[in-house]
């Protein structure tokens, strides 16, 4: 039997998640990021697991046969940075120009890490979010 994904959409409150972020500046950044992701996806914010704010849902299936559902876009407020789950993955090269203009950030496997919204260009970030959504919906 296939193992269920650990991170699944829940009925937990996004507002309660934001309220639980002790740093007021980080909380404001998360709220601004949520507004951007909602605009990019046209989907409302939902909690995925205990710590990911996600927007929309997509079904995936790997060549290995593993499949499941995940959020179209999402983010989590982590200790050192906000982790944006935007699925750049193997397509980082396709986004090199925008990433070069984005501002202070780090990338991981499908993730973008930023410490503060003030560190990045919001228009460039929105372009990356929209490109990710378009690629996932294609």
C-alpha atoms as a PDB file:
ATOM      1  CA  UNK A   1       0.000   0.000   0.000  1.00  0.00           C
ATOM      2  CA  UNK A   2       1.275   3.477  -0.876  1.00  0.00           C
ATOM      3  CA  UNK A   3       2.372   5.608   2.035  1.00  0.00           C
ATOM      4  CA  UNK A   4       0.303   8.776   2.507  1.00  0.00           C
ATOM      5  CA  UNK A   5       2.042  12.142   2.295  1.00  0.00           C
ATOM      6  CA  UNK A   6       2.871  13.652   5.677  1.00  0.00           C
ATOM      7  CA  UNK A   7       1.836  17.127   4.588  1.00  0.00           C
ATOM      8  CA  UNK A   8      -1.816  17.301   3.650  1.00  0.00           C
ATOM      9  CA  UNK A   9      -4.359  20.087   3.559  1.00  0.00           C
ATOM     10  CA  UNK A  10      -6.068  20.635   6.903  1.00  0.00           C
ATOM     11  CA  UNK A  11      -8.920  22.693   8.312  1.00  0.00           C
ATOM     12  CA  UNK A  12      -6.559  24.571  10.647  1.00  0.00           C
ATOM     13  CA  UNK A  13      -6.819  28.349  10.714  1.00  0.00           C
ATOM     14  CA  UNK A  14      -4.382  30.360   8.612  1.00  0.00           C
ATOM     15  CA  UNK A  15      -5.156  33.380  10.783  1.00  0.00           C
ATOM     16  CA  UNK A  16      -4.204  31.418  13.916  1.00  0.00           C
ATOM     17  CA  UNK A  17      -0.945  30.384  12.236  1.00  0.00           C
ATOM     18  CA  UNK A  18      -0.126  34.030  11.500  1.00  0.00           C
ATOM     19  CA  UNK A  19      -1.127  35.066  15.033  1.00  0.00           C
ATOM     20  CA  UNK A  20       1.311  32.490  16.387  1.00  0.00           C
ATOM     21  CA  UNK A  21       4.298  34.137  14.684  1.00  0.00           C
ATOM     22  CA  UNK A  22       5.862  36.105  17.557  1.00  0.00           C
ATOM     23  CA  UNK A  23       7.885  38.587  15.500  1.00  0.00           C
ATOM     24  CA  UNK A  24       5.554  41.349  14.239  1.00  0.00           C
ATOM     25  CA  UNK A  25       7.717  42.142  11.200  1.00  0.00           C
ATOM     26  CA  UNK A  26       7.862  38.469  10.147  1.00  0.00           C
ATOM     27  CA  UNK A  27       4.110  38.164  10.686  1.00  0.00           C
ATOM     28  CA  UNK A  28       3.514  41.199   8.418  1.00  0.00           C
ATOM     29  CA  UNK A  29       5.855  39.718   5.794  1.00  0.00           C
ATOM     30  CA  UNK A  30       3.960  36.427   5.894  1.00  0.00           C
ATOM     31  CA  UNK A  31       0.643  38.221   5.485  1.00  0.00           C
ATOM     32  CA  UNK A  32       2.036  40.185   2.508  1.00  0.00           C
ATOM     33  CA  UNK A  33       3.401  36.997   0.969  1.00  0.00           C
ATOM     34  CA  UNK A  34       0.042  35.285   1.442  1.00  0.00           C
ATOM     35  CA  UNK A  35      -1.693  38.140  -0.388  1.00  0.00           C
ATOM     36  CA  UNK A  36       0.781  37.818  -3.282  1.00  0.00           C
ATOM     37  CA  UNK A  37       0.331  34.056  -3.536  1.00  0.00           C
ATOM     38  CA  UNK A  38      -3.449  34.373  -3.405  1.00  0.00           C
ATOM     39  CA  UNK A  39      -3.302  36.901  -6.227  1.00  0.00           C
ATOM     40  CA  UNK A  40      -0.943  34.676  -8.273  1.00  0.00           C
ATOM     41  CA  UNK A  41      -3.102  31.562  -7.888  1.00  0.00           C
ATOM     42  CA  UNK A  42      -6.605  32.955  -7.489  1.00  0.00           C
ATOM     43  CA  UNK A  43      -6.963  30.467  -4.603  1.00  0.00           C
ATOM     44  CA  UNK A  44      -7.565  31.126  -0.889  1.00  0.00           C
ATOM     45  CA  UNK A  45      -4.960  30.303   1.751  1.00  0.00           C
ATOM     46  CA  UNK A  46      -5.273  26.900   3.441  1.00  0.00           C
ATOM     47  CA  UNK A  47      -3.032  25.197   5.963  1.00  0.00           C
ATOM     48  CA  UNK A  48      -1.043  22.197   4.766  1.00  0.00           C
ATOM     49  CA  UNK A  49       0.121  20.315   7.812  1.00  0.00           C
ATOM     50  CA  UNK A  50       0.863  22.432  10.856  1.00  0.00           C
ATOM     51  CA  UNK A  51       3.216  24.980   9.314  1.00  0.00           C
ATOM     52  CA  UNK A  52       2.695  25.486   5.571  1.00  0.00           C
ATOM     53  CA  UNK A  53       0.306  28.086   4.170  1.00  0.00           C
ATOM     54  CA  UNK A  54      -0.692  26.764   0.749  1.00  0.00           C
ATOM     55  CA  UNK A  55      -2.725  27.976  -2.189  1.00  0.00           C
ATOM     56  CA  UNK A  56      -4.559  25.694  -4.572  1.00  0.00           C
ATOM     57  CA  UNK A  57      -3.839  22.020  -5.042  1.00  0.00           C
ATOM     58  CA  UNK A  58      -2.207  19.936  -7.736  1.00  0.00           C
ATOM     59  CA  UNK A  59      -1.921  16.200  -8.193  1.00  0.00           C
ATOM     60  CA  UNK A  60       1.480  14.781  -9.095  1.00  0.00           C
ATOM     61  CA  UNK A  61       2.733  11.375 -10.158  1.00  0.00           C
ATOM     62  CA  UNK A  62       6.397  10.433 -10.342  1.00  0.00           C
ATOM     63  CA  UNK A  63       7.880   7.885 -12.736  1.00  0.00           C
ATOM     64  CA  UNK A  64       8.365   5.649  -9.669  1.00  0.00           C
ATOM     65  CA  UNK A  65       4.591   5.458  -9.310  1.00  0.00           C
ATOM     66  CA  UNK A  66       4.454   7.598  -6.167  1.00  0.00           C
ATOM     67  CA  UNK A  67       1.678  10.151  -6.391  1.00  0.00           C
ATOM     68  CA  UNK A  68      -0.220  12.584  -4.242  1.00  0.00           C
ATOM     69  CA  UNK A  69      -1.504  16.094  -3.846  1.00  0.00           C
ATOM     70  CA  UNK A  70       0.357  19.221  -2.824  1.00  0.00           C
ATOM     71  CA  UNK A  71      -0.251  22.935  -2.801  1.00  0.00           C
ATOM     72  CA  UNK A  72       0.247  24.871  -6.017  1.00  0.00           C
ATOM     73  CA  UNK A  73       2.223  27.535  -4.110  1.00  0.00           C
ATOM     74  CA  UNK A  74       3.011  27.681  -0.436  1.00  0.00           C
ATOM     75  CA  UNK A  75       5.317  29.005   2.232  1.00  0.00           C
ATOM     76  CA  UNK A  76       6.317  28.501   5.836  1.00  0.00           C
ATOM     77  CA  UNK A  77       7.852  30.836   8.364  1.00  0.00           C
ATOM     78  CA  UNK A  78      10.987  29.037   9.537  1.00  0.00           C
ATOM     79  CA  UNK A  79      13.504  30.090  12.173  1.00  0.00           C
ATOM     80  CA  UNK A  80      16.001  31.691   9.793  1.00  0.00           C
ATOM     81  CA  UNK A  81      13.883  32.552   6.760  1.00  0.00           C
ATOM     82  CA  UNK A  82      10.593  32.164   4.989  1.00  0.00           C
ATOM     83  CA  UNK A  83      10.630  29.041   2.830  1.00  0.00           C
ATOM     84  CA  UNK A  84       8.635  29.546  -0.366  1.00  0.00           C
ATOM     85  CA  UNK A  85       7.478  26.309  -1.972  1.00  0.00           C
ATOM     86  CA  UNK A  86       7.107  27.495  -5.518  1.00  0.00           C
ATOM     87  CA  UNK A  87       8.449  24.463  -7.355  1.00  0.00           C
ATOM     88  CA  UNK A  88      11.284  25.971  -9.337  1.00  0.00           C
ATOM     89  CA  UNK A  89      13.066  22.630  -9.020  1.00  0.00           C
ATOM     90  CA  UNK A  90      14.960  21.552 -12.112  1.00  0.00           C
ATOM     91  CA  UNK A  91      13.710  24.659 -13.871  1.00  0.00           C
ATOM     92  CA  UNK A  92      15.981  27.063 -11.978  1.00  0.00           C
ATOM     93  CA  UNK A  93      17.915  27.843 -15.160  1.00  0.00           C
ATOM     94  CA  UNK A  94      14.697  29.043 -16.785  1.00  0.00           C
ATOM     95  CA  UNK A  95      14.307  31.571 -13.965  1.00  0.00           C
ATOM     96  CA  UNK A  96      17.939  32.708 -13.765  1.00  0.00           C
ATOM     97  CA  UNK A  97      17.237  36.202 -15.086  1.00  0.00           C
ATOM     98  CA  UNK A  98      14.476  36.864 -12.549  1.00  0.00           C
ATOM     99  CA  UNK A  99      16.423  35.271  -9.715  1.00  0.00           C
ATOM    100  CA  UNK A 100      19.367  37.548 -10.517  1.00  0.00           C
ATOM    101  CA  UNK A 101      17.058  40.574 -10.163  1.00  0.00           C
ATOM    102  CA  UNK A 102      15.131  39.299  -7.137  1.00  0.00           C
ATOM    103  CA  UNK A 103      17.420  40.504  -4.367  1.00  0.00           C
ATOM    104  CA  UNK A 104      18.765  38.687  -1.321  1.00  0.00           C
ATOM    105  CA  UNK A 105      17.660  35.047  -1.405  1.00  0.00           C
ATOM    106  CA  UNK A 106      18.799  31.435  -1.398  1.00  0.00           C
ATOM    107  CA  UNK A 107      17.445  28.529  -3.402  1.00  0.00           C
ATOM    108  CA  UNK A 108      16.982  24.881  -2.604  1.00  0.00           C
ATOM    109  CA  UNK A 109      15.334  21.958  -4.322  1.00  0.00           C
ATOM    110  CA  UNK A 110      12.130  23.640  -5.462  1.00  0.00           C
ATOM    111  CA  UNK A 111      12.310  26.229  -2.669  1.00  0.00           C
ATOM    112  CA  UNK A 112      13.191  29.864  -2.447  1.00  0.00           C
ATOM    113  CA  UNK A 113      14.342  31.250   0.902  1.00  0.00           C
ATOM    114  CA  UNK A 114      14.030  34.903   1.875  1.00  0.00           C
ATOM    115  CA  UNK A 115      14.538  36.521   5.262  1.00  0.00           C
ATOM    116  CA  UNK A 116      12.447  39.656   4.746  1.00  0.00           C
ATOM    117  CA  UNK A 117      10.152  40.927   2.040  1.00  0.00           C
ATOM    118  CA  UNK A 118      12.169  44.164   2.088  1.00  0.00           C
ATOM    119  CA  UNK A 119      15.165  42.140   0.817  1.00  0.00           C
ATOM    120  CA  UNK A 120      13.464  41.306  -2.488  1.00  0.00           C
ATOM    121  CA  UNK A 121      11.835  43.096  -5.396  1.00  0.00           C
ATOM    122  CA  UNK A 122       8.095  42.387  -5.046  1.00  0.00           C
ATOM    123  CA  UNK A 123       7.461  42.705  -8.804  1.00  0.00           C
ATOM    124  CA  UNK A 124      10.167  40.163  -9.599  1.00  0.00           C
ATOM    125  CA  UNK A 125       8.846  37.828  -6.889  1.00  0.00           C
ATOM    126  CA  UNK A 126       5.338  38.102  -8.344  1.00  0.00           C
ATOM    127  CA  UNK A 127       6.723  37.242 -11.790  1.00  0.00           C
ATOM    128  CA  UNK A 128       8.362  34.122 -10.320  1.00  0.00           C
ATOM    129  CA  UNK A 129       5.130  33.132  -8.558  1.00  0.00           C
ATOM    130  CA  UNK A 130       3.071  33.562 -11.719  1.00  0.00           C
ATOM    131  CA  UNK A 131       5.624  31.624 -13.803  1.00  0.00           C
ATOM    132  CA  UNK A 132       5.524  28.767 -11.313  1.00  0.00           C
ATOM    133  CA  UNK A 133       1.730  28.648 -11.364  1.00  0.00           C
ATOM    134  CA  UNK A 134       1.622  28.718 -15.164  1.00  0.00           C
ATOM    135  CA  UNK A 135       4.176  25.905 -15.429  1.00  0.00           C
ATOM    136  CA  UNK A 136       2.342  23.718 -12.910  1.00  0.00           C
ATOM    137  CA  UNK A 137      -1.032  24.268 -14.564  1.00  0.00           C
ATOM    138  CA  UNK A 138       0.308  23.571 -18.077  1.00  0.00           C
END
